N, C-alpha and C. Protein backbone atom coordinates (compact mmCIF):
# COMPACT_ATOMS: atom_id res chain seq x y z
N MET A 1 -39.49 -52.86 -29.74
CA MET A 1 -38.38 -52.36 -28.96
C MET A 1 -38.95 -51.59 -27.77
N PRO A 2 -38.49 -51.88 -26.52
CA PRO A 2 -39.04 -51.20 -25.36
C PRO A 2 -38.57 -49.74 -25.32
N ALA A 3 -39.39 -48.87 -24.77
CA ALA A 3 -39.04 -47.46 -24.62
C ALA A 3 -37.97 -47.32 -23.55
N GLN A 4 -37.11 -46.27 -23.71
CA GLN A 4 -36.07 -46.06 -22.70
C GLN A 4 -36.74 -45.76 -21.36
N GLY A 5 -36.19 -46.35 -20.31
CA GLY A 5 -36.73 -46.12 -18.99
C GLY A 5 -37.93 -46.97 -18.68
N SER A 6 -38.28 -47.84 -19.57
CA SER A 6 -39.42 -48.71 -19.29
C SER A 6 -38.99 -49.83 -18.37
N PRO A 7 -39.93 -50.51 -17.70
CA PRO A 7 -39.58 -51.59 -16.80
C PRO A 7 -38.79 -52.70 -17.49
N LYS A 8 -38.90 -52.83 -18.82
CA LYS A 8 -38.17 -53.88 -19.52
C LYS A 8 -36.73 -53.47 -19.79
N ASN A 9 -36.36 -52.18 -19.53
CA ASN A 9 -34.99 -51.71 -19.75
C ASN A 9 -34.55 -50.92 -18.50
N PRO A 10 -34.40 -51.58 -17.32
CA PRO A 10 -34.09 -50.86 -16.08
C PRO A 10 -32.72 -50.21 -16.06
N GLY A 11 -31.78 -50.66 -16.85
CA GLY A 11 -30.45 -50.06 -16.87
C GLY A 11 -30.47 -48.61 -17.29
N SER A 12 -31.36 -48.27 -18.19
CA SER A 12 -31.42 -46.88 -18.65
C SER A 12 -31.93 -45.95 -17.55
N ILE A 13 -32.80 -46.46 -16.69
CA ILE A 13 -33.31 -45.65 -15.57
C ILE A 13 -32.17 -45.29 -14.63
N VAL A 14 -31.35 -46.28 -14.29
CA VAL A 14 -30.22 -46.06 -13.38
C VAL A 14 -29.25 -45.07 -14.01
N LYS A 15 -28.96 -45.24 -15.31
CA LYS A 15 -28.03 -44.34 -16.00
C LYS A 15 -28.53 -42.89 -15.93
N TYR A 16 -29.80 -42.67 -16.21
CA TYR A 16 -30.34 -41.32 -16.21
C TYR A 16 -30.41 -40.74 -14.79
N ARG A 17 -30.62 -41.57 -13.80
CA ARG A 17 -30.61 -41.07 -12.41
C ARG A 17 -29.22 -40.57 -12.05
N TRP A 18 -28.18 -41.32 -12.43
CA TRP A 18 -26.81 -40.90 -12.13
C TRP A 18 -26.46 -39.59 -12.85
N ILE A 19 -26.94 -39.47 -14.06
CA ILE A 19 -26.69 -38.22 -14.79
C ILE A 19 -27.40 -37.06 -14.09
N ALA A 20 -28.62 -37.28 -13.65
CA ALA A 20 -29.37 -36.23 -12.94
C ALA A 20 -28.68 -35.86 -11.64
N VAL A 21 -28.20 -36.85 -10.90
CA VAL A 21 -27.49 -36.58 -9.63
C VAL A 21 -26.22 -35.79 -9.91
N PHE A 22 -25.46 -36.19 -10.93
CA PHE A 22 -24.23 -35.50 -11.28
C PHE A 22 -24.50 -34.02 -11.58
N PHE A 23 -25.49 -33.75 -12.43
CA PHE A 23 -25.80 -32.37 -12.78
C PHE A 23 -26.33 -31.57 -11.59
N ALA A 24 -27.07 -32.21 -10.73
CA ALA A 24 -27.56 -31.52 -9.53
C ALA A 24 -26.39 -31.12 -8.63
N LEU A 25 -25.44 -32.02 -8.43
CA LEU A 25 -24.26 -31.70 -7.61
C LEU A 25 -23.41 -30.63 -8.27
N PHE A 26 -23.19 -30.77 -9.58
CA PHE A 26 -22.39 -29.81 -10.32
C PHE A 26 -23.02 -28.42 -10.25
N ALA A 27 -24.31 -28.34 -10.44
CA ALA A 27 -25.02 -27.06 -10.39
C ALA A 27 -24.93 -26.47 -8.98
N GLY A 28 -24.99 -27.34 -7.98
CA GLY A 28 -24.88 -26.87 -6.60
C GLY A 28 -23.54 -26.22 -6.33
N VAL A 29 -22.48 -26.75 -6.92
CA VAL A 29 -21.14 -26.17 -6.76
C VAL A 29 -21.03 -24.87 -7.56
N LEU A 30 -21.51 -24.89 -8.80
CA LEU A 30 -21.42 -23.71 -9.65
C LEU A 30 -22.23 -22.53 -9.14
N PHE A 31 -23.44 -22.81 -8.72
CA PHE A 31 -24.36 -21.74 -8.36
C PHE A 31 -24.56 -21.64 -6.86
N GLN A 32 -23.53 -21.97 -6.14
CA GLN A 32 -23.62 -21.95 -4.68
C GLN A 32 -23.93 -20.54 -4.21
N ALA A 33 -24.88 -20.44 -3.31
CA ALA A 33 -25.26 -19.14 -2.75
C ALA A 33 -24.12 -18.62 -1.88
N ALA A 34 -24.10 -17.34 -1.68
CA ALA A 34 -23.10 -16.74 -0.80
C ALA A 34 -23.23 -17.35 0.59
N PRO A 35 -22.11 -17.56 1.28
CA PRO A 35 -22.20 -18.16 2.60
C PRO A 35 -23.00 -17.29 3.56
N ALA A 36 -23.66 -17.94 4.49
CA ALA A 36 -24.43 -17.21 5.50
C ALA A 36 -23.48 -16.39 6.36
N SER A 37 -24.00 -15.40 7.01
CA SER A 37 -23.22 -14.55 7.89
C SER A 37 -22.44 -15.37 8.89
N ALA A 38 -21.16 -15.06 9.00
CA ALA A 38 -20.31 -15.77 9.95
C ALA A 38 -20.51 -15.21 11.36
N GLY A 39 -21.14 -14.07 11.48
CA GLY A 39 -21.41 -13.50 12.79
C GLY A 39 -20.20 -12.84 13.41
N VAL A 40 -20.17 -12.87 14.74
CA VAL A 40 -19.13 -12.21 15.51
C VAL A 40 -18.27 -13.27 16.20
N ILE A 41 -16.97 -13.17 16.01
CA ILE A 41 -16.03 -14.04 16.70
C ILE A 41 -15.07 -13.14 17.46
N ALA A 42 -14.98 -13.33 18.77
CA ALA A 42 -14.02 -12.60 19.59
C ALA A 42 -12.96 -13.60 20.02
N LYS A 43 -11.75 -13.43 19.51
CA LYS A 43 -10.63 -14.32 19.84
C LYS A 43 -9.77 -13.64 20.90
N VAL A 44 -9.66 -14.29 22.05
CA VAL A 44 -8.86 -13.75 23.13
C VAL A 44 -7.57 -14.56 23.24
N ASP A 45 -6.45 -13.88 23.12
CA ASP A 45 -5.14 -14.51 23.28
C ASP A 45 -4.61 -14.10 24.66
N ILE A 46 -4.65 -15.04 25.59
CA ILE A 46 -4.26 -14.73 26.97
C ILE A 46 -2.78 -14.35 27.06
N ALA A 47 -1.93 -15.02 26.28
CA ALA A 47 -0.49 -14.73 26.34
C ALA A 47 -0.19 -13.29 25.94
N SER A 48 -0.87 -12.78 24.91
CA SER A 48 -0.59 -11.41 24.46
C SER A 48 -1.53 -10.38 25.08
N GLN A 49 -2.56 -10.86 25.81
CA GLN A 49 -3.56 -9.97 26.42
C GLN A 49 -4.22 -9.10 25.35
N ARG A 50 -4.64 -9.76 24.25
CA ARG A 50 -5.30 -9.08 23.14
C ARG A 50 -6.56 -9.82 22.74
N MET A 51 -7.54 -9.08 22.25
CA MET A 51 -8.75 -9.64 21.67
C MET A 51 -8.83 -9.16 20.23
N THR A 52 -9.04 -10.12 19.33
CA THR A 52 -9.27 -9.81 17.93
C THR A 52 -10.74 -10.05 17.66
N VAL A 53 -11.42 -9.03 17.12
CA VAL A 53 -12.84 -9.13 16.84
C VAL A 53 -13.02 -9.28 15.33
N ILE A 54 -13.68 -10.38 14.95
CA ILE A 54 -13.91 -10.70 13.55
C ILE A 54 -15.43 -10.66 13.32
N VAL A 55 -15.85 -9.88 12.33
CA VAL A 55 -17.27 -9.75 12.02
C VAL A 55 -17.47 -10.17 10.57
N ASP A 56 -18.31 -11.17 10.38
CA ASP A 56 -18.59 -11.70 9.04
C ASP A 56 -17.31 -12.01 8.27
N GLY A 57 -16.32 -12.55 8.97
CA GLY A 57 -15.08 -12.98 8.34
C GLY A 57 -14.01 -11.91 8.21
N ASN A 58 -14.30 -10.67 8.61
CA ASN A 58 -13.34 -9.57 8.49
C ASN A 58 -12.88 -9.12 9.87
N VAL A 59 -11.57 -8.92 10.04
CA VAL A 59 -11.05 -8.38 11.30
C VAL A 59 -11.51 -6.94 11.42
N GLU A 60 -12.26 -6.67 12.49
CA GLU A 60 -12.80 -5.33 12.72
C GLU A 60 -12.00 -4.54 13.75
N ALA A 61 -11.39 -5.27 14.72
CA ALA A 61 -10.67 -4.56 15.79
C ALA A 61 -9.73 -5.52 16.49
N VAL A 62 -8.68 -4.93 17.08
CA VAL A 62 -7.79 -5.64 17.98
C VAL A 62 -7.65 -4.75 19.21
N TRP A 63 -8.02 -5.29 20.37
CA TRP A 63 -8.05 -4.50 21.59
C TRP A 63 -7.23 -5.15 22.69
N ALA A 64 -6.67 -4.33 23.57
CA ALA A 64 -6.02 -4.83 24.77
C ALA A 64 -7.09 -5.31 25.75
N VAL A 65 -6.79 -6.39 26.45
CA VAL A 65 -7.68 -6.93 27.48
C VAL A 65 -6.87 -7.19 28.74
N SER A 66 -7.58 -7.48 29.80
CA SER A 66 -6.97 -8.02 31.02
C SER A 66 -7.71 -9.30 31.34
N THR A 67 -6.94 -10.35 31.56
CA THR A 67 -7.51 -11.63 31.97
C THR A 67 -7.01 -11.92 33.38
N ALA A 68 -7.17 -13.14 33.83
CA ALA A 68 -6.89 -13.50 35.23
C ALA A 68 -5.44 -13.25 35.63
N ARG A 69 -5.32 -12.62 36.78
CA ARG A 69 -3.99 -12.43 37.36
C ARG A 69 -3.59 -13.70 38.12
N ARG A 70 -2.38 -13.72 38.61
CA ARG A 70 -1.87 -14.88 39.34
C ARG A 70 -2.82 -15.25 40.48
N GLY A 71 -3.09 -16.55 40.57
CA GLY A 71 -4.00 -17.04 41.61
C GLY A 71 -5.44 -17.16 41.17
N TYR A 72 -5.74 -16.68 39.97
CA TYR A 72 -7.09 -16.76 39.41
C TYR A 72 -7.01 -17.42 38.03
N TYR A 73 -8.17 -17.65 37.44
CA TYR A 73 -8.22 -18.42 36.20
C TYR A 73 -9.24 -17.84 35.24
N THR A 74 -8.85 -17.70 33.99
CA THR A 74 -9.78 -17.37 32.90
C THR A 74 -9.99 -18.65 32.11
N PRO A 75 -11.23 -19.10 31.96
CA PRO A 75 -11.48 -20.36 31.23
C PRO A 75 -11.02 -20.27 29.78
N ARG A 76 -10.40 -21.33 29.32
CA ARG A 76 -10.02 -21.45 27.92
C ARG A 76 -11.06 -22.29 27.20
N GLY A 77 -11.20 -22.07 25.91
CA GLY A 77 -12.13 -22.87 25.12
C GLY A 77 -12.93 -22.00 24.17
N VAL A 78 -13.92 -22.63 23.58
CA VAL A 78 -14.81 -21.94 22.64
C VAL A 78 -16.20 -21.90 23.26
N TYR A 79 -16.76 -20.72 23.33
CA TYR A 79 -18.04 -20.51 24.01
C TYR A 79 -18.98 -19.67 23.16
N ARG A 80 -20.26 -19.87 23.39
CA ARG A 80 -21.30 -18.97 22.87
C ARG A 80 -21.68 -18.07 24.04
N PRO A 81 -21.96 -16.81 23.79
CA PRO A 81 -22.46 -15.97 24.88
C PRO A 81 -23.75 -16.58 25.44
N LYS A 82 -23.91 -16.49 26.76
CA LYS A 82 -25.12 -17.01 27.42
C LYS A 82 -26.13 -15.88 27.64
N THR A 83 -25.67 -14.80 28.23
CA THR A 83 -26.55 -13.65 28.48
C THR A 83 -25.77 -12.36 28.30
N LEU A 84 -26.51 -11.30 28.05
CA LEU A 84 -25.94 -9.96 27.93
C LEU A 84 -26.55 -9.08 29.01
N ALA A 85 -25.75 -8.19 29.58
CA ALA A 85 -26.27 -7.25 30.58
C ALA A 85 -25.63 -5.89 30.33
N ARG A 86 -26.45 -4.90 30.07
CA ARG A 86 -25.94 -3.54 29.82
C ARG A 86 -25.11 -3.06 31.02
N MET A 87 -25.59 -3.32 32.22
CA MET A 87 -24.82 -3.01 33.43
C MET A 87 -25.09 -4.08 34.46
N HIS A 88 -24.04 -4.72 34.91
CA HIS A 88 -24.14 -5.76 35.93
C HIS A 88 -23.23 -5.35 37.09
N TYR A 89 -23.62 -5.72 38.28
CA TYR A 89 -22.79 -5.45 39.46
C TYR A 89 -22.43 -6.79 40.08
N SER A 90 -21.14 -7.02 40.29
CA SER A 90 -20.65 -8.29 40.80
C SER A 90 -21.10 -8.52 42.23
N LYS A 91 -21.79 -9.62 42.46
CA LYS A 91 -22.17 -9.99 43.82
C LYS A 91 -20.97 -10.57 44.56
N LYS A 92 -20.03 -11.12 43.82
CA LYS A 92 -18.88 -11.79 44.42
C LYS A 92 -17.76 -10.82 44.79
N TYR A 93 -17.61 -9.74 44.01
CA TYR A 93 -16.49 -8.83 44.21
C TYR A 93 -16.96 -7.41 44.53
N HIS A 94 -17.53 -7.22 45.71
CA HIS A 94 -17.83 -5.91 46.29
C HIS A 94 -18.74 -5.03 45.43
N ASN A 95 -19.69 -5.65 44.73
CA ASN A 95 -20.63 -4.90 43.91
C ASN A 95 -19.94 -4.10 42.79
N SER A 96 -18.79 -4.60 42.35
CA SER A 96 -18.03 -3.91 41.30
C SER A 96 -18.85 -3.80 40.02
N PRO A 97 -18.79 -2.64 39.36
CA PRO A 97 -19.54 -2.47 38.12
C PRO A 97 -18.90 -3.27 36.98
N MET A 98 -19.76 -3.87 36.16
CA MET A 98 -19.32 -4.64 35.00
C MET A 98 -20.15 -4.17 33.79
N PRO A 99 -19.81 -3.00 33.24
CA PRO A 99 -20.61 -2.49 32.12
C PRO A 99 -20.45 -3.34 30.87
N TYR A 100 -21.53 -3.45 30.11
CA TYR A 100 -21.55 -4.19 28.84
C TYR A 100 -21.04 -5.61 29.00
N SER A 101 -21.65 -6.34 29.91
CA SER A 101 -21.23 -7.71 30.20
C SER A 101 -21.79 -8.70 29.19
N VAL A 102 -20.90 -9.58 28.75
CA VAL A 102 -21.25 -10.70 27.88
C VAL A 102 -20.84 -11.96 28.65
N PHE A 103 -21.81 -12.58 29.32
CA PHE A 103 -21.52 -13.77 30.12
C PHE A 103 -21.40 -14.99 29.22
N PHE A 104 -20.35 -15.79 29.45
CA PHE A 104 -20.13 -16.94 28.58
C PHE A 104 -19.99 -18.26 29.33
N LYS A 105 -19.70 -18.23 30.63
CA LYS A 105 -19.58 -19.46 31.42
C LYS A 105 -19.78 -19.11 32.88
N GLY A 106 -20.89 -19.56 33.44
CA GLY A 106 -21.16 -19.26 34.85
C GLY A 106 -21.07 -17.76 35.09
N GLY A 107 -20.25 -17.36 36.06
CA GLY A 107 -20.09 -15.95 36.37
C GLY A 107 -19.01 -15.26 35.56
N TYR A 108 -18.38 -15.96 34.62
CA TYR A 108 -17.33 -15.37 33.78
C TYR A 108 -17.96 -14.56 32.64
N ALA A 109 -17.37 -13.38 32.40
CA ALA A 109 -17.90 -12.50 31.37
C ALA A 109 -16.78 -11.71 30.71
N VAL A 110 -17.06 -11.22 29.54
CA VAL A 110 -16.27 -10.15 28.93
C VAL A 110 -17.02 -8.88 29.31
N HIS A 111 -16.33 -7.89 29.86
CA HIS A 111 -17.02 -6.66 30.28
C HIS A 111 -16.06 -5.49 30.32
N GLY A 112 -16.64 -4.32 30.40
CA GLY A 112 -15.84 -3.10 30.51
C GLY A 112 -15.23 -2.96 31.89
N THR A 113 -14.13 -2.20 31.94
CA THR A 113 -13.49 -1.89 33.22
C THR A 113 -13.09 -0.42 33.22
N TYR A 114 -13.09 0.15 34.41
CA TYR A 114 -12.64 1.53 34.54
C TYR A 114 -11.16 1.59 34.89
N GLU A 115 -10.54 0.42 35.08
CA GLU A 115 -9.11 0.34 35.35
C GLU A 115 -8.36 0.15 34.03
N VAL A 116 -8.52 1.12 33.13
CA VAL A 116 -7.95 0.98 31.80
C VAL A 116 -6.43 0.96 31.79
N SER A 117 -5.79 1.50 32.82
CA SER A 117 -4.32 1.48 32.87
C SER A 117 -3.79 0.06 33.04
N ARG A 118 -4.65 -0.88 33.45
CA ARG A 118 -4.21 -2.26 33.64
C ARG A 118 -4.48 -3.15 32.43
N LEU A 119 -5.11 -2.59 31.40
CA LEU A 119 -5.36 -3.37 30.20
C LEU A 119 -4.03 -3.71 29.54
N GLY A 120 -3.97 -4.91 28.97
CA GLY A 120 -2.73 -5.39 28.38
C GLY A 120 -1.90 -6.20 29.36
N LYS A 121 -2.38 -6.28 30.61
CA LYS A 121 -1.71 -7.06 31.66
C LYS A 121 -2.74 -7.93 32.35
N ALA A 122 -2.32 -9.09 32.85
CA ALA A 122 -3.22 -9.96 33.62
C ALA A 122 -3.56 -9.23 34.92
N ALA A 123 -4.85 -8.97 35.15
CA ALA A 123 -5.22 -8.15 36.31
C ALA A 123 -6.57 -8.52 36.92
N SER A 124 -7.33 -9.42 36.29
CA SER A 124 -8.70 -9.66 36.75
C SER A 124 -8.80 -10.87 37.67
N HIS A 125 -10.00 -11.10 38.15
CA HIS A 125 -10.30 -12.30 38.93
C HIS A 125 -10.69 -13.47 38.02
N GLY A 126 -10.64 -13.28 36.72
CA GLY A 126 -10.97 -14.34 35.77
C GLY A 126 -11.77 -13.86 34.58
N CYS A 127 -12.50 -12.76 34.75
CA CYS A 127 -13.24 -12.20 33.63
C CYS A 127 -12.27 -11.60 32.62
N ILE A 128 -12.78 -11.29 31.46
CA ILE A 128 -11.99 -10.65 30.41
C ILE A 128 -12.44 -9.20 30.36
N ARG A 129 -11.54 -8.31 30.72
CA ARG A 129 -11.86 -6.88 30.80
C ARG A 129 -11.44 -6.15 29.54
N LEU A 130 -12.27 -5.18 29.17
CA LEU A 130 -12.01 -4.30 28.02
C LEU A 130 -12.22 -2.85 28.44
N ALA A 131 -11.67 -1.93 27.66
CA ALA A 131 -12.00 -0.52 27.86
C ALA A 131 -13.51 -0.38 27.66
N PRO A 132 -14.17 0.49 28.42
CA PRO A 132 -15.62 0.61 28.32
C PRO A 132 -16.14 0.84 26.90
N ARG A 133 -15.47 1.67 26.13
CA ARG A 133 -15.89 1.94 24.75
C ARG A 133 -15.82 0.66 23.91
N ASN A 134 -14.77 -0.14 24.09
CA ASN A 134 -14.63 -1.39 23.34
C ASN A 134 -15.63 -2.44 23.80
N ALA A 135 -15.87 -2.49 25.11
CA ALA A 135 -16.87 -3.42 25.63
C ALA A 135 -18.25 -3.08 25.07
N ALA A 136 -18.55 -1.79 24.97
CA ALA A 136 -19.84 -1.35 24.40
C ALA A 136 -19.94 -1.76 22.94
N ALA A 137 -18.85 -1.62 22.20
CA ALA A 137 -18.86 -1.99 20.78
C ALA A 137 -19.08 -3.50 20.62
N LEU A 138 -18.37 -4.31 21.40
CA LEU A 138 -18.54 -5.77 21.33
C LEU A 138 -19.96 -6.16 21.72
N TYR A 139 -20.46 -5.58 22.79
CA TYR A 139 -21.83 -5.84 23.26
C TYR A 139 -22.84 -5.56 22.14
N GLN A 140 -22.70 -4.42 21.47
CA GLN A 140 -23.62 -4.05 20.39
C GLN A 140 -23.50 -5.00 19.20
N LEU A 141 -22.28 -5.39 18.86
CA LEU A 141 -22.09 -6.32 17.75
C LEU A 141 -22.80 -7.65 18.03
N ILE A 142 -22.61 -8.16 19.25
CA ILE A 142 -23.24 -9.44 19.61
C ILE A 142 -24.76 -9.29 19.65
N ARG A 143 -25.22 -8.17 20.18
CA ARG A 143 -26.68 -7.94 20.21
C ARG A 143 -27.26 -7.89 18.81
N SER A 144 -26.58 -7.19 17.92
CA SER A 144 -27.14 -7.02 16.57
C SER A 144 -27.03 -8.29 15.73
N HIS A 145 -25.96 -9.07 15.91
CA HIS A 145 -25.82 -10.32 15.15
C HIS A 145 -26.54 -11.49 15.82
N GLY A 146 -26.75 -11.37 17.11
CA GLY A 146 -27.43 -12.43 17.85
C GLY A 146 -26.45 -13.34 18.56
N ILE A 147 -26.86 -13.81 19.72
CA ILE A 147 -26.04 -14.70 20.53
C ILE A 147 -25.71 -15.98 19.75
N ALA A 148 -26.67 -16.50 19.02
CA ALA A 148 -26.47 -17.76 18.30
C ALA A 148 -25.40 -17.63 17.20
N ASP A 149 -25.19 -16.43 16.69
CA ASP A 149 -24.19 -16.20 15.64
C ASP A 149 -22.94 -15.54 16.19
N SER A 150 -22.69 -15.71 17.48
CA SER A 150 -21.52 -15.11 18.11
C SER A 150 -20.74 -16.18 18.85
N GLN A 151 -19.45 -15.93 18.99
CA GLN A 151 -18.59 -16.94 19.61
C GLN A 151 -17.40 -16.26 20.28
N LEU A 152 -16.99 -16.81 21.42
CA LEU A 152 -15.77 -16.39 22.10
C LEU A 152 -14.79 -17.55 22.01
N GLN A 153 -13.59 -17.26 21.54
CA GLN A 153 -12.53 -18.26 21.45
C GLN A 153 -11.41 -17.78 22.35
N ILE A 154 -11.14 -18.51 23.41
CA ILE A 154 -10.17 -18.07 24.42
C ILE A 154 -9.04 -19.09 24.49
N SER A 155 -7.83 -18.62 24.25
CA SER A 155 -6.68 -19.52 24.32
C SER A 155 -5.46 -18.81 24.88
């Protein structure tokens, strides 16, 4: 009588491989490691002029923002931050200060503004403005989690 799994009994090899695959998949589901860090997601709702900041799957903050006023445009879509600048000065708009800038598309950025009375209303040339304290907090979150684990969702 041939031994199980021998070349003269190939059916048993296939059967045991399927059993091994099944248990490997089952164990993978049962003993699944905790999900990797979800990072930082900043969701900007242009209609409500609000940003919701989600860190590792938990809502951490909801802040008033200002996006593009009439005649200007804030890009919609999903973006990864491109660069961070602790303090940037706009070359296009009279050397205006842009503290805690998170650039996400060309010259568009999320950044602090000193015109806090205009937050919650469309008021910018296209950037997404935050109160300086909130811009600093977002900047630090993205820096600490990393650009690759951060995302801006603008709709």
